[in-house]
PDB file of N, CA and C in Angstrom:
ATOM      1  N   MET A   1    -239.083 -64.441   4.385  1.00  0.00           N
ATOM      2  CA  MET A   1    -238.325 -63.908   5.139  1.00  0.00           C
ATOM      3  C   MET A   1    -238.768 -63.188   6.318  1.00  0.00           C
ATOM      4  N   GLU A   2    -239.815 -62.043   5.789  1.00  0.00           N
ATOM      5  CA  GLU A   2    -240.625 -61.533   6.670  1.00  0.00           C
ATOM      6  C   GLU A   2    -241.346 -62.492   7.930  1.00  0.00           C
ATOM      7  N   ASP A   3    -241.578 -63.679   7.493  1.00  0.00           N
ATOM      8  CA  ASP A   3    -242.134 -64.615   8.754  1.00  0.00           C
ATOM      9  C   ASP A   3    -241.168 -64.893   9.793  1.00  0.00           C
ATOM     10  N   LEU A   4    -239.892 -64.772   9.889  1.00  0.00           N
ATOM     11  CA  LEU A   4    -238.675 -64.784  10.669  1.00  0.00           C
ATOM     12  C   LEU A   4    -238.657 -63.743  11.426  1.00  0.00           C
ATOM     13  N   LEU A   5    -239.021 -62.127  11.045  1.00  0.00           N
ATOM     14  CA  LEU A   5    -238.939 -61.094  11.744  1.00  0.00           C
ATOM     15  C   LEU A   5    -239.143 -60.625  13.234  1.00  0.00           C
ATOM     16  N   ALA A   6    -238.640 -60.541  14.383  1.00  0.00           N
ATOM     17  CA  ALA A   6    -239.252 -60.177  15.657  1.00  0.00           C
ATOM     18  C   ALA A   6    -239.807 -61.272  16.314  1.00  0.00           C
ATOM     19  N   LYS A   7    -238.878 -62.099  16.296  1.00  0.00           N
ATOM     20  CA  LYS A   7    -239.439 -63.768  16.891  1.00  0.00           C
ATOM     21  C   LYS A   7    -238.323 -64.284  17.234  1.00  0.00           C
ATOM     22  N   ALA A   8    -238.313 -65.086  18.458  1.00  0.00           N
ATOM     23  CA  ALA A   8    -237.488 -66.314  19.068  1.00  0.00           C
ATOM     24  C   ALA A   8    -237.666 -67.366  17.691  1.00  0.00           C
ATOM     25  N   LEU A   9    -236.475 -67.777  17.212  1.00  0.00           N
ATOM     26  CA  LEU A   9    -236.680 -69.324  16.535  1.00  0.00           C
ATOM     27  C   LEU A   9    -235.312 -69.933  17.048  1.00  0.00           C
ATOM     28  N   LYS A  10    -235.675 -71.436  16.652  1.00  0.00           N
ATOM     29  CA  LYS A  10    -234.795 -72.186  16.712  1.00  0.00           C
ATOM     30  C   LYS A  10    -234.102 -72.611  15.295  1.00  0.00           C
ATOM     31  N   VAL A  11    -233.265 -72.190  15.193  1.00  0.00           N
ATOM     32  CA  VAL A  11    -232.520 -72.073  13.941  1.00  0.00           C
ATOM     33  C   VAL A  11    -232.602 -73.427  13.341  1.00  0.00           C
ATOM     34  N   THR A  12    -232.032 -74.616  13.942  1.00  0.00           N
ATOM     35  CA  THR A  12    -232.213 -76.060  13.165  1.00  0.00           C
ATOM     36  C   THR A  12    -233.099 -76.414  12.957  1.00  0.00           C
ATOM     37  N   ASP A  13    -234.498 -75.867  13.323  1.00  0.00           N
ATOM     38  CA  ASP A  13    -236.133 -75.738  12.990  1.00  0.00           C
ATOM     39  C   ASP A  13    -236.189 -75.112  11.441  1.00  0.00           C
ATOM     40  N   LEU A  14    -235.275 -74.531  11.084  1.00  0.00           N
ATOM     41  CA  LEU A  14    -235.571 -73.744   9.952  1.00  0.00           C
ATOM     42  C   LEU A  14    -235.305 -74.455   8.669  1.00  0.00           C
ATOM     43  N   ILE A  15    -234.545 -75.670   8.640  1.00  0.00           N
ATOM     44  CA  ILE A  15    -234.132 -75.992   7.476  1.00  0.00           C
ATOM     45  C   ILE A  15    -234.070 -77.501   7.698  1.00  0.00           C
ATOM     46  N   ASP A  16    -234.477 -78.589   6.388  1.00  0.00           N
ATOM     47  CA  ASP A  16    -234.166 -79.628   6.611  1.00  0.00           C
ATOM     48  C   ASP A  16    -233.363 -79.953   5.959  1.00  0.00           C
ATOM     49  N   TYR A  17    -232.825 -81.712   6.219  1.00  0.00           N
ATOM     50  CA  TYR A  17    -231.545 -82.192   5.702  1.00  0.00           C
ATOM     51  C   TYR A  17    -232.587 -83.276   4.426  1.00  0.00           C
ATOM     52  N   GLN A  18    -231.770 -83.014   3.044  1.00  0.00           N
ATOM     53  CA  GLN A  18    -232.288 -83.902   2.084  1.00  0.00           C
ATOM     54  C   GLN A  18    -231.442 -84.674   1.636  1.00  0.00           C
ATOM     55  N   GLU A  19    -232.020 -86.301   1.298  1.00  0.00           N
ATOM     56  CA  GLU A  19    -230.404 -87.228   1.253  1.00  0.00           C
ATOM     57  C   GLU A  19    -229.679 -86.779  -0.166  1.00  0.00           C
ATOM     58  N   GLY A  20    -228.273 -86.904   0.176  1.00  0.00           N
ATOM     59  CA  GLY A  20    -227.493 -86.663  -0.824  1.00  0.00           C
ATOM     60  C   GLY A  20    -227.512 -85.244  -1.269  1.00  0.00           C
ATOM     61  N   SER A  21    -227.791 -84.292  -0.648  1.00  0.00           N
ATOM     62  CA  SER A  21    -227.784 -83.011  -1.098  1.00  0.00           C
ATOM     63  C   SER A  21    -227.460 -82.035   0.071  1.00  0.00           C
ATOM     64  N   VAL A  22    -227.324 -80.771  -0.429  1.00  0.00           N
ATOM     65  CA  VAL A  22    -226.727 -79.455   0.093  1.00  0.00           C
ATOM     66  C   VAL A  22    -228.307 -78.665   0.464  1.00  0.00           C
ATOM     67  N   VAL A  23    -228.781 -78.278   1.150  1.00  0.00           N
ATOM     68  CA  VAL A  23    -230.044 -77.042   1.023  1.00  0.00           C
ATOM     69  C   VAL A  23    -229.736 -76.149   1.654  1.00  0.00           C
ATOM     70  N   SER A  24    -229.931 -74.885   1.385  1.00  0.00           N
ATOM     71  CA  SER A  24    -229.751 -73.589   1.695  1.00  0.00           C
ATOM     72  C   SER A  24    -230.796 -72.771   1.777  1.00  0.00           C
ATOM     73  N   ARG A  25    -231.093 -72.030   3.041  1.00  0.00           N
ATOM     74  CA  ARG A  25    -231.782 -70.911   3.260  1.00  0.00           C
ATOM     75  C   ARG A  25    -231.197 -69.546   3.646  1.00  0.00           C
ATOM     76  N   GLU A  26    -231.773 -68.657   2.753  1.00  0.00           N
ATOM     77  CA  GLU A  26    -231.010 -67.251   3.108  1.00  0.00           C
ATOM     78  C   GLU A  26    -231.711 -66.597   4.389  1.00  0.00           C
ATOM     79  N   ILE A  27    -231.478 -66.225   4.880  1.00  0.00           N
ATOM     80  CA  ILE A  27    -231.768 -65.605   6.267  1.00  0.00           C
ATOM     81  C   ILE A  27    -232.024 -63.769   6.149  1.00  0.00           C
ATOM     82  N   ILE A  28    -230.840 -63.630   6.187  1.00  0.00           N
ATOM     83  CA  ILE A  28    -230.872 -62.038   6.064  1.00  0.00           C
ATOM     84  C   ILE A  28    -229.916 -61.778   4.409  1.00  0.00           C
ATOM     85  N   ALA A  29    -230.457 -60.985   4.124  1.00  0.00           N
ATOM     86  CA  ALA A  29    -229.625 -60.759   2.569  1.00  0.00           C
ATOM     87  C   ALA A  29    -229.523 -58.732   2.222  1.00  0.00           C
ATOM     88  N   LYS A  30    -228.912 -58.408   2.604  1.00  0.00           N
ATOM     89  CA  LYS A  30    -228.270 -56.977   2.582  1.00  0.00           C
ATOM     90  C   LYS A  30    -227.194 -56.837   1.919  1.00  0.00           C
ATOM     91  N   LYS A  31    -226.708 -55.579   1.470  1.00  0.00           N
ATOM     92  CA  LYS A  31    -225.583 -54.899   0.876  1.00  0.00           C
ATOM     93  C   LYS A  31    -224.657 -55.101   1.660  1.00  0.00           C
ATOM     94  N   THR A  32    -225.021 -54.904   2.785  1.00  0.00           N
ATOM     95  CA  THR A  32    -223.778 -55.116   3.884  1.00  0.00           C
ATOM     96  C   THR A  32    -223.050 -56.774   4.266  1.00  0.00           C
ATOM     97  N   GLY A  33    -224.289 -57.814   3.932  1.00  0.00           N
ATOM     98  CA  GLY A  33    -223.514 -59.148   3.923  1.00  0.00           C
ATOM     99  C   GLY A  33    -225.123 -59.955   4.266  1.00  0.00           C
ATOM    100  N   THR A  34    -224.714 -61.398   3.996  1.00  0.00           N
ATOM    101  CA  THR A  34    -225.917 -62.503   4.213  1.00  0.00           C
ATOM    102  C   THR A  34    -225.232 -63.245   5.211  1.00  0.00           C
ATOM    103  N   VAL A  35    -226.739 -63.436   5.653  1.00  0.00           N
ATOM    104  CA  VAL A  35    -226.755 -64.840   6.868  1.00  0.00           C
ATOM    105  C   VAL A  35    -227.594 -65.740   6.141  1.00  0.00           C
ATOM    106  N   THR A  36    -227.233 -66.937   5.951  1.00  0.00           N
ATOM    107  CA  THR A  36    -227.365 -68.285   5.377  1.00  0.00           C
ATOM    108  C   THR A  36    -227.087 -69.337   6.130  1.00  0.00           C
ATOM    109  N   LEU A  37    -228.285 -70.332   5.977  1.00  0.00           N
ATOM    110  CA  LEU A  37    -228.529 -71.569   7.047  1.00  0.00           C
ATOM    111  C   LEU A  37    -228.459 -72.429   5.757  1.00  0.00           C
ATOM    112  N   PHE A  38    -227.430 -73.595   6.273  1.00  0.00           N
ATOM    113  CA  PHE A  38    -227.404 -74.701   5.223  1.00  0.00           C
ATOM    114  C   PHE A  38    -227.563 -76.272   5.970  1.00  0.00           C
ATOM    115  N   ALA A  39    -227.891 -77.214   5.490  1.00  0.00           N
ATOM    116  CA  ALA A  39    -228.342 -78.612   5.884  1.00  0.00           C
ATOM    117  C   ALA A  39    -227.358 -79.126   4.743  1.00  0.00           C
ATOM    118  N   PHE A  40    -226.454 -79.931   5.148  1.00  0.00           N
ATOM    119  CA  PHE A  40    -225.543 -80.978   4.143  1.00  0.00           C
ATOM    120  C   PHE A  40    -226.200 -82.126   4.956  1.00  0.00           C
ATOM    121  N   ASP A  41    -226.322 -83.507   3.747  1.00  0.00           N
ATOM    122  CA  ASP A  41    -226.051 -84.783   4.079  1.00  0.00           C
ATOM    123  C   ASP A  41    -224.733 -85.065   4.120  1.00  0.00           C
ATOM    124  N   GLU A  42    -224.934 -86.237   4.511  1.00  0.00           N
ATOM    125  CA  GLU A  42    -223.168 -86.531   5.303  1.00  0.00           C
ATOM    126  C   GLU A  42    -222.162 -87.102   3.895  1.00  0.00           C
ATOM    127  N   GLY A  43    -221.097 -86.450   3.632  1.00  0.00           N
ATOM    128  CA  GLY A  43    -220.328 -86.731   2.538  1.00  0.00           C
ATOM    129  C   GLY A  43    -220.630 -85.552   1.454  1.00  0.00           C
ATOM    130  N   GLN A  44    -221.663 -84.796   1.791  1.00  0.00           N
ATOM    131  CA  GLN A  44    -221.659 -83.630   0.733  1.00  0.00           C
ATOM    132  C   GLN A  44    -220.819 -82.570   1.153  1.00  0.00           C
ATOM    133  N   GLY A  45    -220.467 -81.638   0.102  1.00  0.00           N
ATOM    134  CA  GLY A  45    -219.730 -80.579   0.449  1.00  0.00           C
ATOM    135  C   GLY A  45    -219.729 -79.482  -0.318  1.00  0.00           C
ATOM    136  N   LEU A  46    -219.083 -78.502  -0.193  1.00  0.00           N
ATOM    137  CA  LEU A  46    -218.604 -77.206  -1.152  1.00  0.00           C
ATOM    138  C   LEU A  46    -217.583 -77.540  -1.801  1.00  0.00           C
ATOM    139  N   SER A  47    -217.458 -77.465  -3.103  1.00  0.00           N
ATOM    140  CA  SER A  47    -216.095 -77.507  -3.782  1.00  0.00           C
ATOM    141  C   SER A  47    -215.115 -76.102  -3.599  1.00  0.00           C
ATOM    142  N   GLU A  48    -213.994 -76.399  -3.650  1.00  0.00           N
ATOM    143  CA  GLU A  48    -212.881 -75.172  -3.117  1.00  0.00           C
ATOM    144  C   GLU A  48    -213.372 -73.735  -3.917  1.00  0.00           C
ATOM    145  N   HIS A  49    -213.307 -73.023  -3.114  1.00  0.00           N
ATOM    146  CA  HIS A  49    -213.559 -71.624  -3.770  1.00  0.00           C
ATOM    147  C   HIS A  49    -212.971 -70.327  -2.888  1.00  0.00           C
ATOM    148  N   THR A  50    -212.745 -68.996  -3.307  1.00  0.00           N
ATOM    149  CA  THR A  50    -212.612 -67.819  -2.691  1.00  0.00           C
ATOM    150  C   THR A  50    -213.711 -67.102  -2.516  1.00  0.00           C
ATOM    151  N   ALA A  51    -213.842 -66.566  -1.645  1.00  0.00           N
ATOM    152  CA  ALA A  51    -215.093 -64.847  -1.387  1.00  0.00           C
ATOM    153  C   ALA A  51    -214.106 -63.764  -1.194  1.00  0.00           C
ATOM    154  N   PRO A  52    -214.377 -62.667  -1.710  1.00  0.00           N
ATOM    155  CA  PRO A  52    -213.652 -61.321  -1.398  1.00  0.00           C
ATOM    156  C   PRO A  52    -213.714 -60.858   0.098  1.00  0.00           C
ATOM    157  N   PHE A  53    -214.674 -61.406   0.702  1.00  0.00           N
ATOM    158  CA  PHE A  53    -214.878 -61.123   2.211  1.00  0.00           C
ATOM    159  C   PHE A  53    -214.666 -62.481   3.015  1.00  0.00           C
ATOM    160  N   ASP A  54    -214.364 -62.188   4.900  1.00  0.00           N
ATOM    161  CA  ASP A  54    -213.667 -63.178   5.719  1.00  0.00           C
ATOM    162  C   ASP A  54    -215.960 -63.913   5.494  1.00  0.00           C
ATOM    163  N   ALA A  55    -215.599 -65.036   5.973  1.00  0.00           N
ATOM    164  CA  ALA A  55    -216.635 -65.565   6.264  1.00  0.00           C
ATOM    165  C   ALA A  55    -216.913 -66.975   7.551  1.00  0.00           C
ATOM    166  N   THR A  56    -217.920 -66.467   8.120  1.00  0.00           N
ATOM    167  CA  THR A  56    -218.003 -67.079   9.327  1.00  0.00           C
ATOM    168  C   THR A  56    -218.848 -68.722   9.279  1.00  0.00           C
ATOM    169  N   VAL A  57    -218.457 -69.645   9.382  1.00  0.00           N
ATOM    170  CA  VAL A  57    -219.055 -70.848   9.779  1.00  0.00           C
ATOM    171  C   VAL A  57    -219.581 -71.180  10.931  1.00  0.00           C
ATOM    172  N   PHE A  58    -220.671 -71.142  11.505  1.00  0.00           N
ATOM    173  CA  PHE A  58    -221.177 -71.887  12.934  1.00  0.00           C
ATOM    174  C   PHE A  58    -221.659 -72.942  12.582  1.00  0.00           C
ATOM    175  N   CYS A  59    -221.181 -74.146  12.995  1.00  0.00           N
ATOM    176  CA  CYS A  59    -221.986 -75.450  13.190  1.00  0.00           C
ATOM    177  C   CYS A  59    -222.969 -75.528  13.961  1.00  0.00           C
ATOM    178  N   LEU A  60    -224.060 -75.941  13.735  1.00  0.00           N
ATOM    179  CA  LEU A  60    -225.103 -75.911  14.628  1.00  0.00           C
ATOM    180  C   LEU A  60    -225.642 -77.624  14.893  1.00  0.00           C
ATOM    181  N   GLU A  61    -225.055 -78.262  13.892  1.00  0.00           N
ATOM    182  CA  GLU A  61    -224.963 -79.805  14.347  1.00  0.00           C
ATOM    183  C   GLU A  61    -224.274 -80.532  13.269  1.00  0.00           C
ATOM    184  N   GLY A  62    -223.880 -81.643  13.893  1.00  0.00           N
ATOM    185  CA  GLY A  62    -222.774 -82.633  13.170  1.00  0.00           C
ATOM    186  C   GLY A  62    -221.488 -82.110  12.975  1.00  0.00           C
ATOM    187  N   GLU A  63    -220.972 -82.314  12.235  1.00  0.00           N
ATOM    188  CA  GLU A  63    -219.035 -82.249  12.050  1.00  0.00           C
ATOM    189  C   GLU A  63    -218.962 -81.682  10.218  1.00  0.00           C
ATOM    190  N   VAL A  64    -218.359 -80.912  10.416  1.00  0.00           N
ATOM    191  CA  VAL A  64    -217.610 -80.558   8.656  1.00  0.00           C
ATOM    192  C   VAL A  64    -216.014 -80.516   9.075  1.00  0.00           C
ATOM    193  N   GLU A  65    -215.499 -81.006   8.013  1.00  0.00           N
ATOM    194  CA  GLU A  65    -214.067 -80.576   7.437  1.00  0.00           C
ATOM    195  C   GLU A  65    -214.154 -79.460   6.777  1.00  0.00           C
ATOM    196  N   VAL A  66    -213.368 -78.360   7.233  1.00  0.00           N
ATOM    197  CA  VAL A  66    -213.051 -77.304   6.447  1.00  0.00           C
ATOM    198  C   VAL A  66    -211.654 -77.189   5.977  1.00  0.00           C
ATOM    199  N   THR A  67    -211.781 -77.349   4.705  1.00  0.00           N
ATOM    200  CA  THR A  67    -209.841 -76.930   4.298  1.00  0.00           C
ATOM    201  C   THR A  67    -209.717 -75.519   3.726  1.00  0.00           C
ATOM    202  N   ILE A  68    -208.727 -74.728   4.381  1.00  0.00           N
ATOM    203  CA  ILE A  68    -208.563 -73.652   3.923  1.00  0.00           C
ATOM    204  C   ILE A  68    -207.297 -73.628   3.611  1.00  0.00           C
ATOM    205  N   SER A  69    -207.062 -73.399   2.554  1.00  0.00           N
ATOM    206  CA  SER A  69    -205.420 -73.151   1.651  1.00  0.00           C
ATOM    207  C   SER A  69    -204.837 -74.530   1.824  1.00  0.00           C
ATOM    208  N   GLY A  70    -205.581 -75.459   1.769  1.00  0.00           N
ATOM    209  CA  GLY A  70    -204.913 -76.784   2.054  1.00  0.00           C
ATOM    210  C   GLY A  70    -204.933 -77.454   3.365  1.00  0.00           C
ATOM    211  N   THR A  71    -205.259 -77.019   4.290  1.00  0.00           N
ATOM    212  CA  THR A  71    -204.898 -77.693   5.756  1.00  0.00           C
ATOM    213  C   THR A  71    -206.314 -77.670   6.025  1.00  0.00           C
ATOM    214  N   PRO A  72    -206.553 -78.806   6.368  1.00  0.00           N
ATOM    215  CA  PRO A  72    -208.369 -79.439   6.971  1.00  0.00           C
ATOM    216  C   PRO A  72    -208.312 -79.157   8.422  1.00  0.00           C
ATOM    217  N   ILE A  73    -209.429 -78.787   8.953  1.00  0.00           N
ATOM    218  CA  ILE A  73    -209.578 -78.436  10.434  1.00  0.00           C
ATOM    219  C   ILE A  73    -211.272 -78.849  10.298  1.00  0.00           C
ATOM    220  N   LEU A  74    -211.286 -79.839  11.570  1.00  0.00           N
ATOM    221  CA  LEU A  74    -212.399 -80.707  11.948  1.00  0.00           C
ATOM    222  C   LEU A  74    -213.289 -79.376  12.704  1.00  0.00           C
ATOM    223  N   VAL A  75    -214.554 -79.227  12.702  1.00  0.00           N
ATOM    224  CA  VAL A  75    -215.443 -78.379  13.160  1.00  0.00           C
ATOM    225  C   VAL A  75    -216.410 -79.067  13.579  1.00  0.00           C
ATOM    226  N   LYS A  76    -217.009 -79.046  14.914  1.00  0.00           N
ATOM    227  CA  LYS A  76    -217.972 -79.750  15.516  1.00  0.00           C
ATOM    228  C   LYS A  76    -219.001 -78.737  15.848  1.00  0.00           C
ATOM    229  N   LYS A  77    -220.296 -79.541  16.423  1.00  0.00           N
ATOM    230  CA  LYS A  77    -221.335 -78.599  16.901  1.00  0.00           C
ATOM    231  C   LYS A  77    -221.085 -77.545  18.021  1.00  0.00           C
ATOM    232  N   ASP A  78    -221.474 -76.541  17.975  1.00  0.00           N
ATOM    233  CA  ASP A  78    -221.070 -75.666  18.770  1.00  0.00           C
ATOM    234  C   ASP A  78    -219.722 -74.561  18.807  1.00  0.00           C
ATOM    235  N   GLU A  79    -218.946 -75.292  17.596  1.00  0.00           N
ATOM    236  CA  GLU A  79    -218.016 -74.252  17.473  1.00  0.00           C
ATOM    237  C   GLU A  79    -218.154 -73.520  16.255  1.00  0.00           C
ATOM    238  N   MET A  80    -216.990 -72.900  16.096  1.00  0.00           N
ATOM    239  CA  MET A  80    -217.152 -71.733  14.623  1.00  0.00           C
ATOM    240  C   MET A  80    -215.477 -71.613  14.210  1.00  0.00           C
ATOM    241  N   ILE A  81    -215.558 -71.445  12.693  1.00  0.00           N
ATOM    242  CA  ILE A  81    -214.203 -70.856  12.300  1.00  0.00           C
ATOM    243  C   ILE A  81    -214.143 -69.701  10.797  1.00  0.00           C
ATOM    244  N   ILE A  82    -213.132 -69.181  10.889  1.00  0.00           N
ATOM    245  CA  ILE A  82    -213.395 -67.768  10.063  1.00  0.00           C
ATOM    246  C   ILE A  82    -212.437 -68.209   8.848  1.00  0.00           C
ATOM    247  N   MET A  83    -213.244 -68.226   7.802  1.00  0.00           N
ATOM    248  CA  MET A  83    -212.574 -68.452   6.552  1.00  0.00           C
ATOM    249  C   MET A  83    -212.091 -67.098   6.003  1.00  0.00           C
ATOM    250  N   PRO A  84    -210.894 -66.713   6.189  1.00  0.00           N
ATOM    251  CA  PRO A  84    -210.235 -65.485   5.225  1.00  0.00           C
ATOM    252  C   PRO A  84    -210.303 -65.446   3.880  1.00  0.00           C
ATOM    253  N   ALA A  85    -210.660 -63.539   3.777  1.00  0.00           N
ATOM    254  CA  ALA A  85    -211.252 -63.627   2.590  1.00  0.00           C
ATOM    255  C   ALA A  85    -209.759 -64.051   1.495  1.00  0.00           C
ATOM    256  N   ASP A  86    -210.181 -64.259   0.106  1.00  0.00           N
ATOM    257  CA  ASP A  86    -209.723 -64.321  -0.460  1.00  0.00           C
ATOM    258  C   ASP A  86    -208.259 -65.636  -0.637  1.00  0.00           C
ATOM    259  N   GLN A  87    -209.133 -66.315   0.485  1.00  0.00           N
ATOM    260  CA  GLN A  87    -208.055 -67.961   0.718  1.00  0.00           C
ATOM    261  C   GLN A  87    -209.107 -68.997   0.495  1.00  0.00           C
ATOM    262  N   PRO A  88    -208.276 -69.942  -0.577  1.00  0.00           N
ATOM    263  CA  PRO A  88    -209.699 -71.035  -1.056  1.00  0.00           C
ATOM    264  C   PRO A  88    -209.633 -71.887   0.097  1.00  0.00           C
ATOM    265  N   HIS A  89    -211.097 -72.442   0.090  1.00  0.00           N
ATOM    266  CA  HIS A  89    -211.539 -73.007   1.264  1.00  0.00           C
ATOM    267  C   HIS A  89    -212.802 -74.066   0.612  1.00  0.00           C
ATOM    268  N   SER A  90    -212.862 -75.164   1.308  1.00  0.00           N
ATOM    269  CA  SER A  90    -213.808 -76.214   1.131  1.00  0.00           C
ATOM    270  C   SER A  90    -214.500 -76.752   2.179  1.00  0.00           C
ATOM    271  N   LEU A  91    -215.624 -77.564   1.818  1.00  0.00           N
ATOM    272  CA  LEU A  91    -216.597 -77.693   3.044  1.00  0.00           C
ATOM    273  C   LEU A  91    -216.929 -79.280   2.613  1.00  0.00           C
ATOM    274  N   LYS A  92    -216.670 -80.295   4.036  1.00  0.00           N
ATOM    275  CA  LYS A  92    -217.047 -81.481   3.775  1.00  0.00           C
ATOM    276  C   LYS A  92    -217.444 -82.088   4.882  1.00  0.00           C
ATOM    277  N   ALA A  93    -219.110 -82.518   4.544  1.00  0.00           N
ATOM    278  CA  ALA A  93    -219.678 -82.992   5.534  1.00  0.00           C
ATOM    279  C   ALA A  93    -219.138 -84.375   6.333  1.00  0.00           C
ATOM    280  N   LYS A  94    -218.931 -84.565   7.723  1.00  0.00           N
ATOM    281  CA  LYS A  94    -217.911 -85.693   8.355  1.00  0.00           C
ATOM    282  C   LYS A  94    -219.306 -86.456   8.259  1.00  0.00           C
ATOM    283  N   SER A  95    -220.590 -85.991   8.905  1.00  0.00           N
ATOM    284  CA  SER A  95    -222.325 -86.641   9.486  1.00  0.00           C
ATOM    285  C   SER A  95    -222.909 -85.359   8.278  1.00  0.00           C
ATOM    286  N   LYS A  96    -224.369 -85.778   8.845  1.00  0.00           N
ATOM    287  CA  LYS A  96    -224.941 -84.742   8.452  1.00  0.00           C
ATOM    288  C   LYS A  96    -224.874 -83.436   9.322  1.00  0.00           C
ATOM    289  N   PHE A  97    -224.821 -82.396   8.875  1.00  0.00           N
ATOM    290  CA  PHE A  97    -224.141 -81.175   9.202  1.00  0.00           C
ATOM    291  C   PHE A  97    -225.337 -79.893   8.650  1.00  0.00           C
ATOM    292  N   LYS A  98    -225.075 -79.013  10.071  1.00  0.00           N
ATOM    293  CA  LYS A  98    -225.906 -77.826   9.660  1.00  0.00           C
ATOM    294  C   LYS A  98    -225.152 -76.686  10.122  1.00  0.00           C
ATOM    295  N   MET A  99    -224.949 -75.268   9.235  1.00  0.00           N
ATOM    296  CA  MET A  99    -224.336 -73.983   9.730  1.00  0.00           C
ATOM    297  C   MET A  99    -224.940 -73.135   9.429  1.00  0.00           C
ATOM    298  N   LEU A 100    -224.610 -72.126   9.938  1.00  0.00           N
ATOM    299  CA  LEU A 100    -224.951 -71.040   9.655  1.00  0.00           C
ATOM    300  C   LEU A 100    -223.592 -70.357   9.161  1.00  0.00           C
ATOM    301  N   LEU A 101    -223.950 -69.683   7.852  1.00  0.00           N
ATOM    302  CA  LEU A 101    -223.016 -68.990   7.213  1.00  0.00           C
ATOM    303  C   LEU A 101    -222.778 -67.249   7.280  1.00  0.00           C
ATOM    304  N   ILE A 102    -221.822 -66.625   7.850  1.00  0.00           N
ATOM    305  CA  ILE A 102    -222.114 -65.227   8.233  1.00  0.00           C
ATOM    306  C   ILE A 102    -221.309 -64.656   7.323  1.00  0.00           C
ATOM    307  N   MET A 103    -221.363 -63.719   6.204  1.00  0.00           N
ATOM    308  CA  MET A 103    -220.600 -62.892   5.259  1.00  0.00           C
ATOM    309  C   MET A 103    -220.961 -61.320   5.750  1.00  0.00           C
ATOM    310  N   ILE A 104    -219.969 -60.821   5.934  1.00  0.00           N
ATOM    311  CA  ILE A 104    -220.232 -59.386   6.247  1.00  0.00           C
ATOM    312  C   ILE A 104    -219.210 -58.502   5.272  1.00  0.00           C
ATOM    313  N   ARG A 105    -220.047 -57.611   4.197  1.00  0.00           N
ATOM    314  CA  ARG A 105    -219.196 -57.020   3.397  1.00  0.00           C
ATOM    315  C   ARG A 105    -218.596 -55.793   3.899  1.00  0.00           C
ATOM    316  N   VAL A 106    -216.902 -55.413   3.927  1.00  0.00           N
ATOM    317  CA  VAL A 106    -216.716 -54.371   4.225  1.00  0.00           C
ATOM    318  C   VAL A 106    -215.724 -53.727   2.852  1.00  0.00           C
TER     319      VAL A 106
END
C-alpha cells in the first residue's frame, strides 16, 4: 500500500480481470473504514449478505446489477449506489466490471 501514497493514480490500472473470477485489492484499511478495489469477470458476483455499515459502490468500468432487499438496480460506469447497513444485498456483473467499495464505520 505504501507504493500508492501521495501520488496520482489511474484506479482502473491498479487491478486486472481474471477469467471466471472476482479479484480484490485493499487500498485503505483502517479501524474507521476501508476502500477496496474489485474486478469481476462477466457473470461473477457476490452472494447475498449484510454489512453493519453503509457501503458505497462506485462503478469504474462495465455494469453491475446490485440487488438490495430484493430490488435489482443496474449500476453503470461512472455511477454509484449506497447499500444501506443491515439490508441484504448482492452483486452480479452484467459485463466485466470494476468497482471501488467504500465502507466507513461509525
